[in-house]
Amino acid sequence: MGWFGSDKPNTTSREDRSKCWEARDAYFSCLDTAEVVVAGTEGSKCASQRKSYEKNCAKSWIDYFNQRRVLAEKQKPFLAQAASQAAEARRL
């Protein structure tokens, strides 16, 4: 059985990846609207998007994307501070 529930070998096509990324983007957009950072903690708010995400993406990809989302959120203050410092340095 393949990553995406088929009898294909464990390889993904460009189409498979595209479907996964589209489903991920829709789900994460819904989470952003609901102001939820940690995927899976939104309750029923993004149920249809989450179902599509889980259907179209391999479990290992879901784990990676979800962890990356949390890390990106934690990085925002540091990136904003760095941008502010860079702007200040350009003014000097």
PDB file of N, CA and C in Angstrom:
ATOM      1  N   MET A   1       0.843  -1.186   0.000  1.00  0.00           N
ATOM      2  CA  MET A   1       0.000   0.000   0.000  1.00  0.00           C
ATOM      3  C   MET A   1       0.880   1.238   0.000  1.00  0.00           C
ATOM      4  N   GLY A   2       0.558   2.230  -0.799  1.00  0.00           N
ATOM      5  CA  GLY A   2       1.342   3.450  -0.913  1.00  0.00           C
ATOM      6  C   GLY A   2       0.995   4.472   0.151  1.00  0.00           C
ATOM      7  N   TRP A   3       1.672   5.581   0.095  1.00  0.00           N
ATOM      8  CA  TRP A   3       1.474   6.656   1.072  1.00  0.00           C
ATOM      9  C   TRP A   3       0.068   7.208   1.062  1.00  0.00           C
ATOM     10  N   PHE A   4      -0.525   7.247  -0.081  1.00  0.00           N
ATOM     11  CA  PHE A   4      -1.799   7.926  -0.228  1.00  0.00           C
ATOM     12  C   PHE A   4      -2.953   6.946  -0.364  1.00  0.00           C
ATOM     13  N   GLY A   5      -2.804   5.765   0.200  1.00  0.00           N
ATOM     14  CA  GLY A   5      -3.893   4.813   0.231  1.00  0.00           C
ATOM     15  C   GLY A   5      -4.122   4.061  -1.064  1.00  0.00           C
ATOM     16  N   SER A   6      -3.131   3.976  -1.904  1.00  0.00           N
ATOM     17  CA  SER A   6      -3.286   3.235  -3.149  1.00  0.00           C
ATOM     18  C   SER A   6      -2.294   2.089  -3.171  1.00  0.00           C
ATOM     19  N   ASP A   7      -2.339   1.292  -4.219  1.00  0.00           N
ATOM     20  CA  ASP A   7      -1.402   0.184  -4.352  1.00  0.00           C
ATOM     21  C   ASP A   7      -0.137   0.603  -5.097  1.00  0.00           C
ATOM     22  N   LYS A   8       0.034   1.905  -5.308  1.00  0.00           N
ATOM     23  CA  LYS A   8       1.242   2.408  -5.968  1.00  0.00           C
ATOM     24  C   LYS A   8       2.437   2.210  -5.039  1.00  0.00           C
ATOM     25  N   PRO A   9       3.630   2.163  -5.592  1.00  0.00           N
ATOM     26  CA  PRO A   9       4.817   2.124  -4.738  1.00  0.00           C
ATOM     27  C   PRO A   9       4.899   3.387  -3.898  1.00  0.00           C
ATOM     28  N   ASN A  10       5.765   3.397  -2.909  1.00  0.00           N
ATOM     29  CA  ASN A  10       5.905   4.543  -2.016  1.00  0.00           C
ATOM     30  C   ASN A  10       6.621   5.702  -2.685  1.00  0.00           C
ATOM     31  N   THR A  11       6.107   6.146  -3.793  1.00  0.00           N
ATOM     32  CA  THR A  11       6.600   7.338  -4.465  1.00  0.00           C
ATOM     33  C   THR A  11       5.419   8.262  -4.667  1.00  0.00           C
ATOM     34  N   THR A  12       5.698   9.536  -4.739  1.00  0.00           N
ATOM     35  CA  THR A  12       4.621  10.489  -4.944  1.00  0.00           C
ATOM     36  C   THR A  12       4.813  11.192  -6.269  1.00  0.00           C
ATOM     37  N   SER A  13       3.720  11.433  -6.913  1.00  0.00           N
ATOM     38  CA  SER A  13       3.773  12.153  -8.177  1.00  0.00           C
ATOM     39  C   SER A  13       3.630  13.647  -7.903  1.00  0.00           C
ATOM     40  N   ARG A  14       3.884  14.419  -8.910  1.00  0.00           N
ATOM     41  CA  ARG A  14       3.694  15.866  -8.805  1.00  0.00           C
ATOM     42  C   ARG A  14       2.242  16.172  -8.449  1.00  0.00           C
ATOM     43  N   GLU A  15       1.327  15.408  -9.007  1.00  0.00           N
ATOM     44  CA  GLU A  15      -0.096  15.617  -8.730  1.00  0.00           C
ATOM     45  C   GLU A  15      -0.412  15.312  -7.257  1.00  0.00           C
ATOM     46  N   ASP A  16       0.158  14.228  -6.724  1.00  0.00           N
ATOM     47  CA  ASP A  16      -0.050  13.876  -5.313  1.00  0.00           C
ATOM     48  C   ASP A  16       0.459  14.992  -4.401  1.00  0.00           C
ATOM     49  N   ARG A  17       1.649  15.474  -4.687  1.00  0.00           N
ATOM     50  CA  ARG A  17       2.224  16.548  -3.870  1.00  0.00           C
ATOM     51  C   ARG A  17       1.369  17.808  -3.958  1.00  0.00           C
ATOM     52  N   SER A  18       0.924  18.131  -5.146  1.00  0.00           N
ATOM     53  CA  SER A  18       0.103  19.319  -5.336  1.00  0.00           C
ATOM     54  C   SER A  18      -1.202  19.220  -4.545  1.00  0.00           C
ATOM     55  N   LYS A  19      -1.838  18.054  -4.592  1.00  0.00           N
ATOM     56  CA  LYS A  19      -3.080  17.858  -3.824  1.00  0.00           C
ATOM     57  C   LYS A  19      -2.826  18.014  -2.335  1.00  0.00           C
ATOM     58  N   CYS A  20      -1.714  17.454  -1.868  1.00  0.00           N
ATOM     59  CA  CYS A  20      -1.366  17.564  -0.451  1.00  0.00           C
ATOM     60  C   CYS A  20      -1.158  19.021  -0.071  1.00  0.00           C
ATOM     61  N   TRP A  21      -0.363  19.735  -0.846  1.00  0.00           N
ATOM     62  CA  TRP A  21      -0.070  21.130  -0.518  1.00  0.00           C
ATOM     63  C   TRP A  21      -1.328  21.993  -0.559  1.00  0.00           C
ATOM     64  N   GLU A  22      -2.203  21.741  -1.519  1.00  0.00           N
ATOM     65  CA  GLU A  22      -3.454  22.503  -1.585  1.00  0.00           C
ATOM     66  C   GLU A  22      -4.318  22.229  -0.359  1.00  0.00           C
ATOM     67  N   ALA A  23      -4.401  20.959   0.037  1.00  0.00           N
ATOM     68  CA  ALA A  23      -5.188  20.593   1.217  1.00  0.00           C
ATOM     69  C   ALA A  23      -4.568  21.202   2.478  1.00  0.00           C
ATOM     70  N   ARG A  24      -3.240  21.155   2.576  1.00  0.00           N
ATOM     71  CA  ARG A  24      -2.542  21.751   3.721  1.00  0.00           C
ATOM     72  C   ARG A  24      -2.806  23.248   3.789  1.00  0.00           C
ATOM     73  N   ASP A  25      -2.675  23.922   2.647  1.00  0.00           N
ATOM     74  CA  ASP A  25      -2.877  25.368   2.623  1.00  0.00           C
ATOM     75  C   ASP A  25      -4.297  25.746   3.028  1.00  0.00           C
ATOM     76  N   ALA A  26      -5.285  24.991   2.560  1.00  0.00           N
ATOM     77  CA  ALA A  26      -6.681  25.263   2.923  1.00  0.00           C
ATOM     78  C   ALA A  26      -6.897  25.045   4.416  1.00  0.00           C
ATOM     79  N   TYR A  27      -6.342  23.969   4.951  1.00  0.00           N
ATOM     80  CA  TYR A  27      -6.485  23.663   6.377  1.00  0.00           C
ATOM     81  C   TYR A  27      -5.784  24.729   7.219  1.00  0.00           C
ATOM     82  N   PHE A  28      -4.558  25.077   6.866  1.00  0.00           N
ATOM     83  CA  PHE A  28      -3.827  26.071   7.644  1.00  0.00           C
ATOM     84  C   PHE A  28      -4.473  27.451   7.533  1.00  0.00           C
ATOM     85  N   SER A  29      -5.057  27.759   6.399  1.00  0.00           N
ATOM     86  CA  SER A  29      -5.779  29.018   6.253  1.00  0.00           C
ATOM     87  C   SER A  29      -6.976  29.057   7.203  1.00  0.00           C
ATOM     88  N   CYS A  30      -7.678  27.941   7.294  1.00  0.00           N
ATOM     89  CA  CYS A  30      -8.798  27.844   8.228  1.00  0.00           C
ATOM     90  C   CYS A  30      -8.308  28.002   9.661  1.00  0.00           C
ATOM     91  N   LEU A  31      -7.192  27.361   9.990  1.00  0.00           N
ATOM     92  CA  LEU A  31      -6.627  27.498  11.337  1.00  0.00           C
ATOM     93  C   LEU A  31      -6.251  28.944  11.622  1.00  0.00           C
ATOM     94  N   ASP A  32      -5.680  29.624  10.627  1.00  0.00           N
ATOM     95  CA  ASP A  32      -5.326  31.036  10.796  1.00  0.00           C
ATOM     96  C   ASP A  32      -6.573  31.864  11.084  1.00  0.00           C
ATOM     97  N   THR A  33      -7.641  31.605  10.336  1.00  0.00           N
ATOM     98  CA  THR A  33      -8.897  32.328  10.539  1.00  0.00           C
ATOM     99  C   THR A  33      -9.447  32.075  11.938  1.00  0.00           C
ATOM    100  N   ALA A  34      -9.306  30.836  12.408  1.00  0.00           N
ATOM    101  CA  ALA A  34      -9.782  30.463  13.742  1.00  0.00           C
ATOM    102  C   ALA A  34      -8.789  30.853  14.839  1.00  0.00           C
ATOM    103  N   GLU A  35      -7.642  31.423  14.438  1.00  0.00           N
ATOM    104  CA  GLU A  35      -6.582  31.833  15.355  1.00  0.00           C
ATOM    105  C   GLU A  35      -6.075  30.656  16.196  1.00  0.00           C
ATOM    106  N   VAL A  36      -5.848  29.531  15.510  1.00  0.00           N
ATOM    107  CA  VAL A  36      -5.329  28.319  16.142  1.00  0.00           C
ATOM    108  C   VAL A  36      -3.943  28.066  15.571  1.00  0.00           C
ATOM    109  N   VAL A  37      -2.962  27.868  16.441  1.00  0.00           N
ATOM    110  CA  VAL A  37      -1.595  27.611  15.994  1.00  0.00           C
ATOM    111  C   VAL A  37      -1.346  26.107  15.869  1.00  0.00           C
ATOM    112  N   VAL A  38      -1.711  25.350  16.885  1.00  0.00           N
ATOM    113  CA  VAL A  38      -1.418  23.921  16.930  1.00  0.00           C
ATOM    114  C   VAL A  38      -2.532  23.151  16.223  1.00  0.00           C
ATOM    115  N   ALA A  39      -2.175  22.552  15.092  1.00  0.00           N
ATOM    116  CA  ALA A  39      -3.153  21.775  14.331  1.00  0.00           C
ATOM    117  C   ALA A  39      -3.680  20.632  15.185  1.00  0.00           C
ATOM    118  N   GLY A  40      -4.973  20.402  15.078  1.00  0.00           N
ATOM    119  CA  GLY A  40      -5.603  19.337  15.843  1.00  0.00           C
ATOM    120  C   GLY A  40      -6.264  19.830  17.119  1.00  0.00           C
ATOM    121  N   THR A  41      -6.045  21.095  17.475  1.00  0.00           N
ATOM    122  CA  THR A  41      -6.641  21.647  18.693  1.00  0.00           C
ATOM    123  C   THR A  41      -7.811  22.578  18.394  1.00  0.00           C
ATOM    124  N   GLU A  42      -8.267  22.570  17.140  1.00  0.00           N
ATOM    125  CA  GLU A  42      -9.306  23.511  16.725  1.00  0.00           C
ATOM    126  C   GLU A  42     -10.721  23.009  16.953  1.00  0.00           C
ATOM    127  N   GLY A  43     -10.862  21.795  17.468  1.00  0.00           N
ATOM    128  CA  GLY A  43     -12.199  21.234  17.655  1.00  0.00           C
ATOM    129  C   GLY A  43     -12.834  20.939  16.314  1.00  0.00           C
ATOM    130  N   SER A  44     -14.066  21.381  16.142  1.00  0.00           N
ATOM    131  CA  SER A  44     -14.783  21.094  14.895  1.00  0.00           C
ATOM    132  C   SER A  44     -14.724  22.246  13.897  1.00  0.00           C
ATOM    133  N   LYS A  45     -13.965  23.288  14.195  1.00  0.00           N
ATOM    134  CA  LYS A  45     -13.951  24.499  13.360  1.00  0.00           C
ATOM    135  C   LYS A  45     -13.495  24.259  11.928  1.00  0.00           C
ATOM    136  N   CYS A  46     -12.538  23.396  11.710  1.00  0.00           N
ATOM    137  CA  CYS A  46     -11.965  23.179  10.375  1.00  0.00           C
ATOM    138  C   CYS A  46     -12.064  21.701   9.974  1.00  0.00           C
ATOM    139  N   ALA A  47     -13.152  21.065  10.343  1.00  0.00           N
ATOM    140  CA  ALA A  47     -13.282  19.615  10.167  1.00  0.00           C
ATOM    141  C   ALA A  47     -13.153  19.171   8.711  1.00  0.00           C
ATOM    142  N   SER A  48     -13.810  19.853   7.798  1.00  0.00           N
ATOM    143  CA  SER A  48     -13.763  19.406   6.396  1.00  0.00           C
ATOM    144  C   SER A  48     -12.375  19.610   5.800  1.00  0.00           C
ATOM    145  N   GLN A  49     -11.727  20.723   6.142  1.00  0.00           N
ATOM    146  CA  GLN A  49     -10.376  20.973   5.647  1.00  0.00           C
ATOM    147  C   GLN A  49      -9.383  19.976   6.245  1.00  0.00           C
ATOM    148  N   ARG A  50      -9.568  19.646   7.509  1.00  0.00           N
ATOM    149  CA  ARG A  50      -8.671  18.684   8.157  1.00  0.00           C
ATOM    150  C   ARG A  50      -8.833  17.299   7.532  1.00  0.00           C
ATOM    151  N   LYS A  51     -10.060  16.922   7.247  1.00  0.00           N
ATOM    152  CA  LYS A  51     -10.317  15.616   6.627  1.00  0.00           C
ATOM    153  C   LYS A  51      -9.618  15.524   5.273  1.00  0.00           C
ATOM    154  N   SER A  52      -9.709  16.570   4.473  1.00  0.00           N
ATOM    155  CA  SER A  52      -9.053  16.599   3.168  1.00  0.00           C
ATOM    156  C   SER A  52      -7.539  16.544   3.323  1.00  0.00           C
ATOM    157  N   TYR A  53      -7.012  17.282   4.284  1.00  0.00           N
ATOM    158  CA  TYR A  53      -5.570  17.301   4.584  1.00  0.00           C
ATOM    159  C   TYR A  53      -5.092  15.897   4.939  1.00  0.00           C
ATOM    160  N   GLU A  54      -5.807  15.233   5.824  1.00  0.00           N
ATOM    161  CA  GLU A  54      -5.410  13.898   6.254  1.00  0.00           C
ATOM    162  C   GLU A  54      -5.583  12.864   5.141  1.00  0.00           C
ATOM    163  N   LYS A  55      -6.528  13.091   4.254  1.00  0.00           N
ATOM    164  CA  LYS A  55      -6.750  12.173   3.132  1.00  0.00           C
ATOM    165  C   LYS A  55      -5.664  12.314   2.064  1.00  0.00           C
ATOM    166  N   ASN A  56      -5.234  13.532   1.822  1.00  0.00           N
ATOM    167  CA  ASN A  56      -4.333  13.806   0.699  1.00  0.00           C
ATOM    168  C   ASN A  56      -2.851  13.849   1.037  1.00  0.00           C
ATOM    169  N   CYS A  57      -2.512  13.795   2.324  1.00  0.00           N
ATOM    170  CA  CYS A  57      -1.102  13.875   2.713  1.00  0.00           C
ATOM    171  C   CYS A  57      -0.687  12.641   3.505  1.00  0.00           C
ATOM    172  N   ALA A  58       0.552  12.241   3.300  1.00  0.00           N
ATOM    173  CA  ALA A  58       1.119  11.132   4.066  1.00  0.00           C
ATOM    174  C   ALA A  58       1.254  11.547   5.527  1.00  0.00           C
ATOM    175  N   LYS A  59       1.123  10.607   6.427  1.00  0.00           N
ATOM    176  CA  LYS A  59       1.217  10.881   7.865  1.00  0.00           C
ATOM    177  C   LYS A  59       2.528  11.575   8.212  1.00  0.00           C
ATOM    178  N   SER A  60       3.632  11.125   7.628  1.00  0.00           N
ATOM    179  CA  SER A  60       4.925  11.748   7.918  1.00  0.00           C
ATOM    180  C   SER A  60       4.951  13.206   7.470  1.00  0.00           C
ATOM    181  N   TRP A  61       4.277  13.512   6.354  1.00  0.00           N
ATOM    182  CA  TRP A  61       4.210  14.889   5.872  1.00  0.00           C
ATOM    183  C   TRP A  61       3.367  15.731   6.824  1.00  0.00           C
ATOM    184  N   ILE A  62       2.249  15.175   7.265  1.00  0.00           N
ATOM    185  CA  ILE A  62       1.362  15.888   8.191  1.00  0.00           C
ATOM    186  C   ILE A  62       2.125  16.230   9.465  1.00  0.00           C
ATOM    187  N   ASP A  63       2.845  15.250  10.003  1.00  0.00           N
ATOM    188  CA  ASP A  63       3.625  15.504  11.218  1.00  0.00           C
ATOM    189  C   ASP A  63       4.630  16.628  10.990  1.00  0.00           C
ATOM    190  N   TYR A  64       5.331  16.575   9.856  1.00  0.00           N
ATOM    191  CA  TYR A  64       6.322  17.607   9.541  1.00  0.00           C
ATOM    192  C   TYR A  64       5.665  18.980   9.397  1.00  0.00           C
ATOM    193  N   PHE A  65       4.608  19.068   8.587  1.00  0.00           N
ATOM    194  CA  PHE A  65       3.948  20.361   8.359  1.00  0.00           C
ATOM    195  C   PHE A  65       3.405  20.947   9.666  1.00  0.00           C
ATOM    196  N   ASN A  66       2.806  20.098  10.502  1.00  0.00           N
ATOM    197  CA  ASN A  66       2.246  20.581  11.763  1.00  0.00           C
ATOM    198  C   ASN A  66       3.343  21.096  12.693  1.00  0.00           C
ATOM    199  N   GLN A  67       4.457  20.380  12.774  1.00  0.00           N
ATOM    200  CA  GLN A  67       5.569  20.834  13.610  1.00  0.00           C
ATOM    201  C   GLN A  67       6.159  22.124  13.057  1.00  0.00           C
ATOM    202  N   ARG A  68       6.288  22.195  11.741  1.00  0.00           N
ATOM    203  CA  ARG A  68       6.852  23.386  11.100  1.00  0.00           C
ATOM    204  C   ARG A  68       5.965  24.602  11.337  1.00  0.00           C
ATOM    205  N   ARG A  69       4.658  24.411  11.362  1.00  0.00           N
ATOM    206  CA  ARG A  69       3.717  25.502  11.618  1.00  0.00           C
ATOM    207  C   ARG A  69       3.946  26.096  13.005  1.00  0.00           C
ATOM    208  N   VAL A  70       4.101  25.247  14.001  1.00  0.00           N
ATOM    209  CA  VAL A  70       4.332  25.706  15.371  1.00  0.00           C
ATOM    210  C   VAL A  70       5.676  26.430  15.460  1.00  0.00           C
ATOM    211  N   LEU A  71       6.708  25.861  14.853  1.00  0.00           N
ATOM    212  CA  LEU A  71       8.028  26.506  14.877  1.00  0.00           C
ATOM    213  C   LEU A  71       7.993  27.877  14.196  1.00  0.00           C
ATOM    214  N   ALA A  72       7.307  27.963  13.073  1.00  0.00           N
ATOM    215  CA  ALA A  72       7.213  29.236  12.351  1.00  0.00           C
ATOM    216  C   ALA A  72       6.535  30.294  13.213  1.00  0.00           C
ATOM    217  N   GLU A  73       5.530  29.884  13.951  1.00  0.00           N
ATOM    218  CA  GLU A  73       4.830  30.827  14.833  1.00  0.00           C
ATOM    219  C   GLU A  73       5.759  31.310  15.947  1.00  0.00           C
ATOM    220  N   LYS A  74       6.560  30.403  16.491  1.00  0.00           N
ATOM    221  CA  LYS A  74       7.505  30.776  17.550  1.00  0.00           C
ATOM    222  C   LYS A  74       8.609  31.697  17.020  1.00  0.00           C
ATOM    223  N   GLN A  75       8.919  31.591  15.730  1.00  0.00           N
ATOM    224  CA  GLN A  75       9.982  32.403  15.138  1.00  0.00           C
ATOM    225  C   GLN A  75       9.541  33.826  14.826  1.00  0.00           C
ATOM    226  N   LYS A  76       8.249  34.072  14.709  1.00  0.00           N
ATOM    227  CA  LYS A  76       7.755  35.386  14.289  1.00  0.00           C
ATOM    228  C   LYS A  76       8.316  36.553  15.108  1.00  0.00           C
ATOM    229  N   PRO A  77       8.318  36.481  16.434  1.00  0.00           N
ATOM    230  CA  PRO A  77       8.856  37.632  17.183  1.00  0.00           C
ATOM    231  C   PRO A  77      10.341  37.865  16.905  1.00  0.00           C
ATOM    232  N   PHE A  78      11.095  36.794  16.745  1.00  0.00           N
ATOM    233  CA  PHE A  78      12.531  36.933  16.476  1.00  0.00           C
ATOM    234  C   PHE A  78      12.774  37.534  15.090  1.00  0.00           C
ATOM    235  N   LEU A  79      11.984  37.110  14.119  1.00  0.00           N
ATOM    236  CA  LEU A  79      12.120  37.657  12.768  1.00  0.00           C
ATOM    237  C   LEU A  79      11.722  39.123  12.722  1.00  0.00           C
ATOM    238  N   ALA A  80      10.675  39.480  13.460  1.00  0.00           N
ATOM    239  CA  ALA A  80      10.256  40.881  13.522  1.00  0.00           C
ATOM    240  C   ALA A  80      11.337  41.734  14.172  1.00  0.00           C
ATOM    241  N   GLN A  81      11.943  41.211  15.231  1.00  0.00           N
ATOM    242  CA  GLN A  81      13.024  41.930  15.903  1.00  0.00           C
ATOM    243  C   GLN A  81      14.222  42.100  14.969  1.00  0.00           C
ATOM    244  N   ALA A  82      14.566  41.060  14.238  1.00  0.00           N
ATOM    245  CA  ALA A  82      15.690  41.131  13.299  1.00  0.00           C
ATOM    246  C   ALA A  82      15.405  42.152  12.201  1.00  0.00           C
ATOM    247  N   ALA A  83      14.179  42.167  11.695  1.00  0.00           N
ATOM    248  CA  ALA A  83      13.818  43.132  10.656  1.00  0.00           C
ATOM    249  C   ALA A  83      13.905  44.558  11.190  1.00  0.00           C
ATOM    250  N   SER A  84      13.452  44.743  12.407  1.00  0.00           N
ATOM    251  CA  SER A  84      13.512  46.061  13.035  1.00  0.00           C
ATOM    252  C   SER A  84      14.968  46.514  13.218  1.00  0.00           C
ATOM    253  N   GLN A  85      15.809  45.599  13.664  1.00  0.00           N
ATOM    254  CA  GLN A  85      17.219  45.929  13.848  1.00  0.00           C
ATOM    255  C   GLN A  85      17.898  46.226  12.516  1.00  0.00           C
ATOM    256  N   ALA A  86      17.550  45.481  11.481  1.00  0.00           N
ATOM    257  CA  ALA A  86      18.128  45.730  10.164  1.00  0.00           C
ATOM    258  C   ALA A  86      17.695  47.104   9.630  1.00  0.00           C
ATOM    259  N   ALA A  87      16.416  47.442   9.832  1.00  0.00           N
ATOM    260  CA  ALA A  87      15.938  48.751   9.388  1.00  0.00           C
ATOM    261  C   ALA A  87      16.650  49.857  10.137  1.00  0.00           C
ATOM    262  N   GLU A  88      16.853  49.672  11.422  1.00  0.00           N
ATOM    263  CA  GLU A  88      17.560  50.665  12.236  1.00  0.00           C
ATOM    264  C   GLU A  88      19.011  50.805  11.765  1.00  0.00           C
ATOM    265  N   ALA A  89      19.655  49.701  11.443  1.00  0.00           N
ATOM    266  CA  ALA A  89      21.038  49.738  10.974  1.00  0.00           C
ATOM    267  C   ALA A  89      21.143  50.467   9.634  1.00  0.00           C
ATOM    268  N   ARG A  90      20.144  50.319   8.778  1.00  0.00           N
ATOM    269  CA  ARG A  90      20.166  50.993   7.467  1.00  0.00           C
ATOM    270  C   ARG A  90      20.022  52.510   7.644  1.00  0.00           C
ATOM    271  N   ARG A  91      19.320  52.930   8.696  1.00  0.00           N
ATOM    272  CA  ARG A  91      19.141  54.365   8.931  1.00  0.00           C
ATOM    273  C   ARG A  91      20.394  55.028   9.463  1.00  0.00           C
ATOM    274  N   LEU A  92      21.271  54.248  10.061  1.00  0.00           N
ATOM    275  CA  LEU A  92      22.489  54.830  10.661  1.00  0.00           C
ATOM    276  C   LEU A  92      23.555  55.118   9.651  1.00  0.00           C
TER     277      LEU A  92
END
